[in-house]
Amino acid sequence: MLTFAGQKKKMSNNQDKKEALARITANRHRTNLFRKHEQQLIAFLVRYVPSFITSDMLTLLGLAGSVITAGSFVLGKDFDRSWLLLGIAGLAINWVGDSLDGRLAYYRKTPRKWYGFSLDFCVDWLTNILIGAAYIYYAPDPKEFIGFAFVCLYGWAMMMALLRYKIAGTYTIDSGPFGPTEVRIIIMLILIAEVIFPQSIIYSSGTVCLALLAIDIKEFRQLLRIADKCDKAESEQSAASDN
């Protein structure tokens, strides 16, 4: 049976969790499959990040994870494909840095909206290039074009996220049920499968590219509908002001 002090501490912890969750989800619309569990985990982690660690440090940590993942492809080709498993650790490190950097700033009530947005977007694009280039190095000729396709398709998704933000004022990093976290998990599974079944990466990554293409086309059509709706609203507003 909890004492009064224990009950008070539990209530305080619950309140801290709710407050942290509210802060880290501010100005962030998520649709990804694991959003609920991911947001709860982020809300838990930001409460225990040491005060000397800044958001910029976490961004660098995420980039370091990308470098490790890219390096796993190089080591996997030059030495042994079991090195690909190092990429799983790299992706996990990348998730920590990329997921916590901006959310930590919101939790601490020190967000730099446009600075953080610009830095995060550019680092994400660099991550995309690094992993795509590493895949191109690893894959046998002429299958390396799949890595180039992944870079282009993921880049298309990022570009549409920017356009949606410009047109509708809503910024989301997800494409339907798939967000960066789901993509990381898929890549992890691909790496594990490649270690167990050599050359399976060609078929699994090709399948991912086809799925990403279908998602991009769907998101593109939705973006055009939003843009058309905004154009009509502006036209109606302009006509009303003229009258």
C-alpha atoms as a PDB file:
ATOM      1  CA  MET A   1       0.000   0.000   0.000  1.00  0.00           C
ATOM      2  CA  LEU A   2       1.361   3.368  -1.057  1.00  0.00           C
ATOM      3  CA  THR A   3       2.105   5.944   1.603  1.00  0.00           C
ATOM      4  CA  PHE A   4       0.880   9.508   1.215  1.00  0.00           C
ATOM      5  CA  ALA A   5       4.363  10.565   0.078  1.00  0.00           C
ATOM      6  CA  GLY A   6       4.471   7.703  -2.425  1.00  0.00           C
ATOM      7  CA  GLN A   7       1.065   8.613  -3.828  1.00  0.00           C
ATOM      8  CA  LYS A   8       2.091  12.247  -4.120  1.00  0.00           C
ATOM      9  CA  LYS A   9       5.287  11.287  -5.951  1.00  0.00           C
ATOM     10  CA  LYS A  10       3.364   9.020  -8.337  1.00  0.00           C
ATOM     11  CA  MET A  11       0.873  11.787  -9.090  1.00  0.00           C
ATOM     12  CA  SER A  12       3.741  14.198  -9.710  1.00  0.00           C
ATOM     13  CA  ASN A  13       5.431  11.744 -12.115  1.00  0.00           C
ATOM     14  CA  ASN A  14       2.184  11.249 -14.013  1.00  0.00           C
ATOM     15  CA  GLN A  15       1.758  15.002 -14.291  1.00  0.00           C
ATOM     16  CA  ASP A  16       5.343  15.368 -15.537  1.00  0.00           C
ATOM     17  CA  LYS A  17       4.716  12.693 -18.182  1.00  0.00           C
ATOM     18  CA  LYS A  18       1.561  14.423 -19.408  1.00  0.00           C
ATOM     19  CA  GLU A  19       3.287  17.799 -19.510  1.00  0.00           C
ATOM     20  CA  ALA A  20       6.280  16.380 -21.374  1.00  0.00           C
ATOM     21  CA  LEU A  21       4.006  14.660 -23.892  1.00  0.00           C
ATOM     22  CA  ALA A  22       2.056  17.872 -24.467  1.00  0.00           C
ATOM     23  CA  ARG A  23       5.239  19.853 -25.074  1.00  0.00           C
ATOM     24  CA  ILE A  24       6.939  17.415 -27.439  1.00  0.00           C
ATOM     25  CA  THR A  25       3.804  16.997 -29.566  1.00  0.00           C
ATOM     26  CA  ALA A  26       3.267  20.743 -29.937  1.00  0.00           C
ATOM     27  CA  ASN A  27       3.108  21.893 -33.566  1.00  0.00           C
ATOM     28  CA  ARG A  28       3.685  18.339 -34.776  1.00  0.00           C
ATOM     29  CA  HIS A  29       1.071  16.368 -36.716  1.00  0.00           C
ATOM     30  CA  ARG A  30       1.981  12.693 -36.930  1.00  0.00           C
ATOM     31  CA  THR A  31       0.244   9.894 -38.823  1.00  0.00           C
ATOM     32  CA  ASN A  32       2.865   7.139 -38.645  1.00  0.00           C
ATOM     33  CA  LEU A  33       2.072   3.638 -37.462  1.00  0.00           C
ATOM     34  CA  PHE A  34       4.082   3.742 -34.206  1.00  0.00           C
ATOM     35  CA  ARG A  35       3.377   7.386 -33.348  1.00  0.00           C
ATOM     36  CA  LYS A  36       1.698   6.697 -29.982  1.00  0.00           C
ATOM     37  CA  HIS A  37       4.488   4.523 -28.579  1.00  0.00           C
ATOM     38  CA  GLU A  38       7.190   6.671 -30.158  1.00  0.00           C
ATOM     39  CA  GLN A  39       5.841   9.900 -28.681  1.00  0.00           C
ATOM     40  CA  GLN A  40       5.527   8.306 -25.251  1.00  0.00           C
ATOM     41  CA  LEU A  41       9.128   7.106 -25.436  1.00  0.00           C
ATOM     42  CA  ILE A  42      10.379  10.525 -26.549  1.00  0.00           C
ATOM     43  CA  ALA A  43       8.396  12.194 -23.750  1.00  0.00           C
ATOM     44  CA  PHE A  44      10.079   9.827 -21.292  1.00  0.00           C
ATOM     45  CA  LEU A  45      13.609  10.327 -22.653  1.00  0.00           C
ATOM     46  CA  VAL A  46      13.623  14.131 -22.848  1.00  0.00           C
ATOM     47  CA  ARG A  47      12.965  14.310 -19.108  1.00  0.00           C
ATOM     48  CA  TYR A  48      16.307  12.619 -18.396  1.00  0.00           C
ATOM     49  CA  VAL A  49      18.594  14.281 -20.941  1.00  0.00           C
ATOM     50  CA  PRO A  50      21.422  15.995 -19.009  1.00  0.00           C
ATOM     51  CA  SER A  51      21.186  19.778 -19.039  1.00  0.00           C
ATOM     52  CA  PHE A  52      24.572  20.223 -20.741  1.00  0.00           C
ATOM     53  CA  ILE A  53      23.361  18.329 -23.832  1.00  0.00           C
ATOM     54  CA  THR A  54      21.850  20.660 -26.419  1.00  0.00           C
ATOM     55  CA  SER A  55      19.587  20.037 -29.382  1.00  0.00           C
ATOM     56  CA  ASP A  56      22.490  20.718 -31.748  1.00  0.00           C
ATOM     57  CA  MET A  57      24.497  17.983 -30.027  1.00  0.00           C
ATOM     58  CA  LEU A  58      21.651  15.550 -30.582  1.00  0.00           C
ATOM     59  CA  THR A  59      21.477  16.555 -34.242  1.00  0.00           C
ATOM     60  CA  LEU A  60      25.190  15.745 -34.563  1.00  0.00           C
ATOM     61  CA  LEU A  61      24.554  12.451 -32.786  1.00  0.00           C
ATOM     62  CA  GLY A  62      21.882  11.600 -35.343  1.00  0.00           C
ATOM     63  CA  LEU A  63      24.272  12.442 -38.170  1.00  0.00           C
ATOM     64  CA  ALA A  64      26.941  10.258 -36.561  1.00  0.00           C
ATOM     65  CA  GLY A  65      24.444   7.393 -36.575  1.00  0.00           C
ATOM     66  CA  SER A  66      23.944   7.913 -40.304  1.00  0.00           C
ATOM     67  CA  VAL A  67      27.699   7.794 -40.878  1.00  0.00           C
ATOM     68  CA  ILE A  68      27.888   4.522 -38.921  1.00  0.00           C
ATOM     69  CA  THR A  69      25.064   3.053 -41.015  1.00  0.00           C
ATOM     70  CA  ALA A  70      26.742   4.130 -44.243  1.00  0.00           C
ATOM     71  CA  GLY A  71      30.033   2.692 -42.984  1.00  0.00           C
ATOM     72  CA  SER A  72      28.373  -0.665 -42.347  1.00  0.00           C
ATOM     73  CA  PHE A  73      27.662  -1.004 -46.076  1.00  0.00           C
ATOM     74  CA  VAL A  74      31.299  -0.226 -46.920  1.00  0.00           C
ATOM     75  CA  LEU A  75      32.605  -2.714 -44.355  1.00  0.00           C
ATOM     76  CA  GLY A  76      30.027  -5.252 -45.468  1.00  0.00           C
ATOM     77  CA  LYS A  77      31.340  -5.159 -49.011  1.00  0.00           C
ATOM     78  CA  ASP A  78      35.077  -4.851 -48.300  1.00  0.00           C
ATOM     79  CA  PHE A  79      35.242  -7.408 -45.480  1.00  0.00           C
ATOM     80  CA  ASP A  80      32.209  -9.455 -44.469  1.00  0.00           C
ATOM     81  CA  ARG A  81      28.474  -8.847 -44.834  1.00  0.00           C
ATOM     82  CA  SER A  82      27.988  -9.453 -41.094  1.00  0.00           C
ATOM     83  CA  TRP A  83      29.282  -5.885 -40.704  1.00  0.00           C
ATOM     84  CA  LEU A  84      25.877  -4.809 -41.989  1.00  0.00           C
ATOM     85  CA  LEU A  85      24.548  -5.481 -38.494  1.00  0.00           C
ATOM     86  CA  LEU A  86      26.536  -2.448 -37.367  1.00  0.00           C
ATOM     87  CA  GLY A  87      24.048  -0.456 -39.395  1.00  0.00           C
ATOM     88  CA  ILE A  88      21.304  -1.433 -36.952  1.00  0.00           C
ATOM     89  CA  ALA A  89      23.196   0.299 -34.143  1.00  0.00           C
ATOM     90  CA  GLY A  90      23.765   3.264 -36.445  1.00  0.00           C
ATOM     91  CA  LEU A  91      20.054   3.558 -37.217  1.00  0.00           C
ATOM     92  CA  ALA A  92      19.202   3.340 -33.517  1.00  0.00           C
ATOM     93  CA  ILE A  93      21.674   6.143 -32.757  1.00  0.00           C
ATOM     94  CA  ASN A  94      20.243   8.139 -35.635  1.00  0.00           C
ATOM     95  CA  TRP A  95      16.735   7.723 -34.191  1.00  0.00           C
ATOM     96  CA  VAL A  96      17.827   9.011 -30.781  1.00  0.00           C
ATOM     97  CA  GLY A  97      19.490  12.108 -32.206  1.00  0.00           C
ATOM     98  CA  ASP A  98      16.952  12.874 -34.921  1.00  0.00           C
ATOM     99  CA  SER A  99      13.878  12.266 -32.759  1.00  0.00           C
ATOM    100  CA  LEU A 100      15.033  14.058 -29.637  1.00  0.00           C
ATOM    101  CA  ASP A 101      16.813  17.154 -30.982  1.00  0.00           C
ATOM    102  CA  GLY A 102      13.816  19.343 -31.771  1.00  0.00           C
ATOM    103  CA  ARG A 103      11.553  17.741 -29.174  1.00  0.00           C
ATOM    104  CA  LEU A 104      14.112  18.475 -26.443  1.00  0.00           C
ATOM    105  CA  ALA A 105      13.983  22.161 -27.354  1.00  0.00           C
ATOM    106  CA  TYR A 106      10.186  22.177 -27.098  1.00  0.00           C
ATOM    107  CA  TYR A 107      10.327  20.332 -23.781  1.00  0.00           C
ATOM    108  CA  ARG A 108      12.773  22.892 -22.401  1.00  0.00           C
ATOM    109  CA  LYS A 109      10.660  25.726 -23.883  1.00  0.00           C
ATOM    110  CA  THR A 110      13.627  26.940 -25.928  1.00  0.00           C
ATOM    111  CA  PRO A 111      12.579  26.115 -29.503  1.00  0.00           C
ATOM    112  CA  ARG A 112      14.190  27.879 -32.451  1.00  0.00           C
ATOM    113  CA  LYS A 113      11.521  27.106 -34.997  1.00  0.00           C
ATOM    114  CA  TRP A 114      13.137  28.180 -38.262  1.00  0.00           C
ATOM    115  CA  TYR A 115      16.719  27.436 -37.233  1.00  0.00           C
ATOM    116  CA  GLY A 116      15.756  23.959 -36.079  1.00  0.00           C
ATOM    117  CA  PHE A 117      13.579  23.351 -39.121  1.00  0.00           C
ATOM    118  CA  SER A 118      16.375  24.333 -41.520  1.00  0.00           C
ATOM    119  CA  LEU A 119      19.072  22.370 -39.716  1.00  0.00           C
ATOM    120  CA  ASP A 120      16.935  19.263 -39.310  1.00  0.00           C
ATOM    121  CA  PHE A 121      15.799  19.232 -42.922  1.00  0.00           C
ATOM    122  CA  CYS A 122      19.320  19.631 -44.319  1.00  0.00           C
ATOM    123  CA  VAL A 123      20.740  16.945 -42.022  1.00  0.00           C
ATOM    124  CA  ASP A 124      17.911  14.575 -42.980  1.00  0.00           C
ATOM    125  CA  TRP A 125      18.711  15.130 -46.650  1.00  0.00           C
ATOM    126  CA  LEU A 126      22.399  14.485 -45.997  1.00  0.00           C
ATOM    127  CA  THR A 127      21.440  11.268 -44.187  1.00  0.00           C
ATOM    128  CA  ASN A 128      19.396  10.221 -47.196  1.00  0.00           C
ATOM    129  CA  ILE A 129      22.345  10.802 -49.522  1.00  0.00           C
ATOM    130  CA  LEU A 130      24.826   9.011 -47.241  1.00  0.00           C
ATOM    131  CA  ILE A 131      22.768   5.826 -46.926  1.00  0.00           C
ATOM    132  CA  GLY A 132      21.790   5.861 -50.599  1.00  0.00           C
ATOM    133  CA  ALA A 133      25.424   6.278 -51.695  1.00  0.00           C
ATOM    134  CA  ALA A 134      26.535   3.522 -49.309  1.00  0.00           C
ATOM    135  CA  TYR A 135      23.935   1.168 -50.786  1.00  0.00           C
ATOM    136  CA  ILE A 136      25.176   2.014 -54.288  1.00  0.00           C
ATOM    137  CA  TYR A 137      28.686   1.069 -53.174  1.00  0.00           C
ATOM    138  CA  TYR A 138      27.500  -2.196 -51.630  1.00  0.00           C
ATOM    139  CA  ALA A 139      25.085  -3.417 -54.298  1.00  0.00           C
ATOM    140  CA  PRO A 140      26.386  -5.435 -57.246  1.00  0.00           C
ATOM    141  CA  ASP A 141      26.342  -3.827 -60.685  1.00  0.00           C
ATOM    142  CA  PRO A 142      23.856  -2.900 -62.168  1.00  0.00           C
ATOM    143  CA  LYS A 143      21.571  -3.184 -59.121  1.00  0.00           C
ATOM    144  CA  GLU A 144      23.037  -0.046 -57.558  1.00  0.00           C
ATOM    145  CA  PHE A 145      20.392   1.993 -59.376  1.00  0.00           C
ATOM    146  CA  ILE A 146      17.991   0.915 -56.595  1.00  0.00           C
ATOM    147  CA  GLY A 147      19.970   3.060 -54.145  1.00  0.00           C
ATOM    148  CA  PHE A 148      19.685   6.018 -56.507  1.00  0.00           C
ATOM    149  CA  ALA A 149      15.926   5.390 -56.802  1.00  0.00           C
ATOM    150  CA  PHE A 150      15.589   5.359 -53.004  1.00  0.00           C
ATOM    151  CA  VAL A 151      17.374   8.712 -52.707  1.00  0.00           C
ATOM    152  CA  CYS A 152      15.118  10.242 -55.365  1.00  0.00           C
ATOM    153  CA  LEU A 153      11.873   8.819 -53.984  1.00  0.00           C
ATOM    154  CA  TYR A 154      12.625   9.732 -50.365  1.00  0.00           C
ATOM    155  CA  GLY A 155      13.752  13.149 -51.560  1.00  0.00           C
ATOM    156  CA  TRP A 156      10.429  13.531 -53.377  1.00  0.00           C
ATOM    157  CA  ALA A 157       8.611  12.773 -50.120  1.00  0.00           C
ATOM    158  CA  MET A 158      10.688  15.391 -48.299  1.00  0.00           C
ATOM    159  CA  MET A 159      10.001  17.959 -51.019  1.00  0.00           C
ATOM    160  CA  MET A 160       6.248  17.345 -50.781  1.00  0.00           C
ATOM    161  CA  ALA A 161       6.439  17.837 -47.012  1.00  0.00           C
ATOM    162  CA  LEU A 162       7.916  21.297 -47.647  1.00  0.00           C
ATOM    163  CA  LEU A 163       5.292  22.124 -50.267  1.00  0.00           C
ATOM    164  CA  ARG A 164       2.491  21.027 -47.955  1.00  0.00           C
ATOM    165  CA  TYR A 165       3.929  23.266 -45.244  1.00  0.00           C
ATOM    166  CA  LYS A 166       4.073  26.216 -47.673  1.00  0.00           C
ATOM    167  CA  ILE A 167       0.584  25.673 -49.114  1.00  0.00           C
ATOM    168  CA  ALA A 168      -1.454  24.464 -46.153  1.00  0.00           C
ATOM    169  CA  GLY A 169       0.675  25.561 -43.205  1.00  0.00           C
ATOM    170  CA  THR A 170       0.816  21.980 -41.914  1.00  0.00           C
ATOM    171  CA  TYR A 171       4.171  20.261 -41.543  1.00  0.00           C
ATOM    172  CA  THR A 172       4.290  16.499 -41.270  1.00  0.00           C
ATOM    173  CA  ILE A 173       7.258  14.191 -41.645  1.00  0.00           C
ATOM    174  CA  ASP A 174       5.087  11.158 -42.361  1.00  0.00           C
ATOM    175  CA  SER A 175       3.671   9.690 -45.555  1.00  0.00           C
ATOM    176  CA  GLY A 176       0.496   8.084 -44.300  1.00  0.00           C
ATOM    177  CA  PRO A 177       1.371   5.248 -41.892  1.00  0.00           C
ATOM    178  CA  PHE A 178       5.082   5.453 -42.733  1.00  0.00           C
ATOM    179  CA  GLY A 179       7.428   7.908 -41.105  1.00  0.00           C
ATOM    180  CA  PRO A 180      11.198   8.038 -40.522  1.00  0.00           C
ATOM    181  CA  THR A 181      10.930   5.537 -37.650  1.00  0.00           C
ATOM    182  CA  GLU A 182       9.098   2.973 -39.787  1.00  0.00           C
ATOM    183  CA  VAL A 183      11.654   3.465 -42.575  1.00  0.00           C
ATOM    184  CA  ARG A 184      14.478   2.822 -40.101  1.00  0.00           C
ATOM    185  CA  ILE A 185      12.807  -0.377 -38.898  1.00  0.00           C
ATOM    186  CA  ILE A 186      12.363  -1.577 -42.483  1.00  0.00           C
ATOM    187  CA  ILE A 187      16.033  -0.881 -43.256  1.00  0.00           C
ATOM    188  CA  MET A 188      17.035  -2.783 -40.105  1.00  0.00           C
ATOM    189  CA  LEU A 189      15.026  -5.799 -41.264  1.00  0.00           C
ATOM    190  CA  ILE A 190      16.578  -5.551 -44.724  1.00  0.00           C
ATOM    191  CA  LEU A 191      20.076  -5.571 -43.221  1.00  0.00           C
ATOM    192  CA  ILE A 192      19.299  -8.603 -41.054  1.00  0.00           C
ATOM    193  CA  ALA A 193      17.822 -10.439 -44.031  1.00  0.00           C
ATOM    194  CA  GLU A 194      20.881  -9.645 -46.155  1.00  0.00           C
ATOM    195  CA  VAL A 195      23.212 -11.134 -43.548  1.00  0.00           C
ATOM    196  CA  ILE A 196      21.157 -14.334 -43.420  1.00  0.00           C
ATOM    197  CA  PHE A 197      20.224 -14.474 -47.110  1.00  0.00           C
ATOM    198  CA  PRO A 198      22.963 -12.935 -49.314  1.00  0.00           C
ATOM    199  CA  GLN A 199      21.751 -10.695 -52.151  1.00  0.00           C
ATOM    200  CA  SER A 200      18.225 -10.538 -50.705  1.00  0.00           C
ATOM    201  CA  ILE A 201      18.832  -6.808 -50.267  1.00  0.00           C
ATOM    202  CA  ILE A 202      18.302  -6.364 -54.002  1.00  0.00           C
ATOM    203  CA  TYR A 203      14.749  -7.679 -53.870  1.00  0.00           C
ATOM    204  CA  SER A 204      13.779  -6.236 -50.483  1.00  0.00           C
ATOM    205  CA  SER A 205      15.075  -2.757 -51.258  1.00  0.00           C
ATOM    206  CA  GLY A 206      13.491  -2.899 -54.691  1.00  0.00           C
ATOM    207  CA  THR A 207      10.157  -3.733 -53.078  1.00  0.00           C
ATOM    208  CA  VAL A 208      10.587  -0.817 -50.675  1.00  0.00           C
ATOM    209  CA  CYS A 209      11.233   1.538 -53.592  1.00  0.00           C
ATOM    210  CA  LEU A 210       8.069   0.373 -55.354  1.00  0.00           C
ATOM    211  CA  ALA A 211       6.055   0.892 -52.166  1.00  0.00           C
ATOM    212  CA  LEU A 212       7.628   4.322 -51.677  1.00  0.00           C
ATOM    213  CA  LEU A 213       6.759   5.229 -55.271  1.00  0.00           C
ATOM    214  CA  ALA A 214       3.113   4.273 -54.688  1.00  0.00           C
ATOM    215  CA  ILE A 215       3.019   6.322 -51.464  1.00  0.00           C
ATOM    216  CA  ASP A 216       4.643   9.322 -53.156  1.00  0.00           C
ATOM    217  CA  ILE A 217       2.128   9.257 -55.995  1.00  0.00           C
ATOM    218  CA  LYS A 218      -0.743   9.094 -53.513  1.00  0.00           C
ATOM    219  CA  GLU A 219       0.713  11.967 -51.449  1.00  0.00           C
ATOM    220  CA  PHE A 220       1.329  13.980 -54.628  1.00  0.00           C
ATOM    221  CA  ARG A 221      -2.308  13.661 -55.707  1.00  0.00           C
ATOM    222  CA  GLN A 222      -3.429  14.674 -52.227  1.00  0.00           C
ATOM    223  CA  LEU A 223      -1.067  17.666 -52.314  1.00  0.00           C
ATOM    224  CA  LEU A 224      -2.550  18.805 -55.629  1.00  0.00           C
ATOM    225  CA  ARG A 225      -6.058  18.595 -54.174  1.00  0.00           C
ATOM    226  CA  ILE A 226      -4.984  20.715 -51.204  1.00  0.00           C
ATOM    227  CA  ALA A 227      -3.318  23.243 -53.528  1.00  0.00           C
ATOM    228  CA  ASP A 228      -6.415  23.424 -55.721  1.00  0.00           C
ATOM    229  CA  LYS A 229      -8.630  23.946 -52.677  1.00  0.00           C
ATOM    230  CA  CYS A 230      -6.380  26.758 -51.450  1.00  0.00           C
ATOM    231  CA  ASP A 231      -6.434  28.401 -54.896  1.00  0.00           C
ATOM    232  CA  LYS A 232     -10.240  28.332 -54.951  1.00  0.00           C
ATOM    233  CA  ALA A 233     -10.416  29.772 -51.443  1.00  0.00           C
ATOM    234  CA  GLU A 234      -8.049  32.602 -52.398  1.00  0.00           C
ATOM    235  CA  SER A 235     -10.061  33.314 -55.554  1.00  0.00           C
ATOM    236  CA  GLU A 236     -13.307  33.485 -53.590  1.00  0.00           C
ATOM    237  CA  GLN A 237     -11.701  35.726 -50.988  1.00  0.00           C
ATOM    238  CA  SER A 238     -10.318  38.007 -53.724  1.00  0.00           C
ATOM    239  CA  ALA A 239     -13.710  38.204 -55.451  1.00  0.00           C
ATOM    240  CA  ALA A 240     -15.432  39.004 -52.159  1.00  0.00           C
ATOM    241  CA  SER A 241     -12.959  41.792 -51.379  1.00  0.00           C
ATOM    242  CA  ASP A 242     -13.468  43.297 -54.859  1.00  0.00           C
ATOM    243  CA  ASN A 243     -17.182  43.467 -54.252  1.00  0.00           C
END
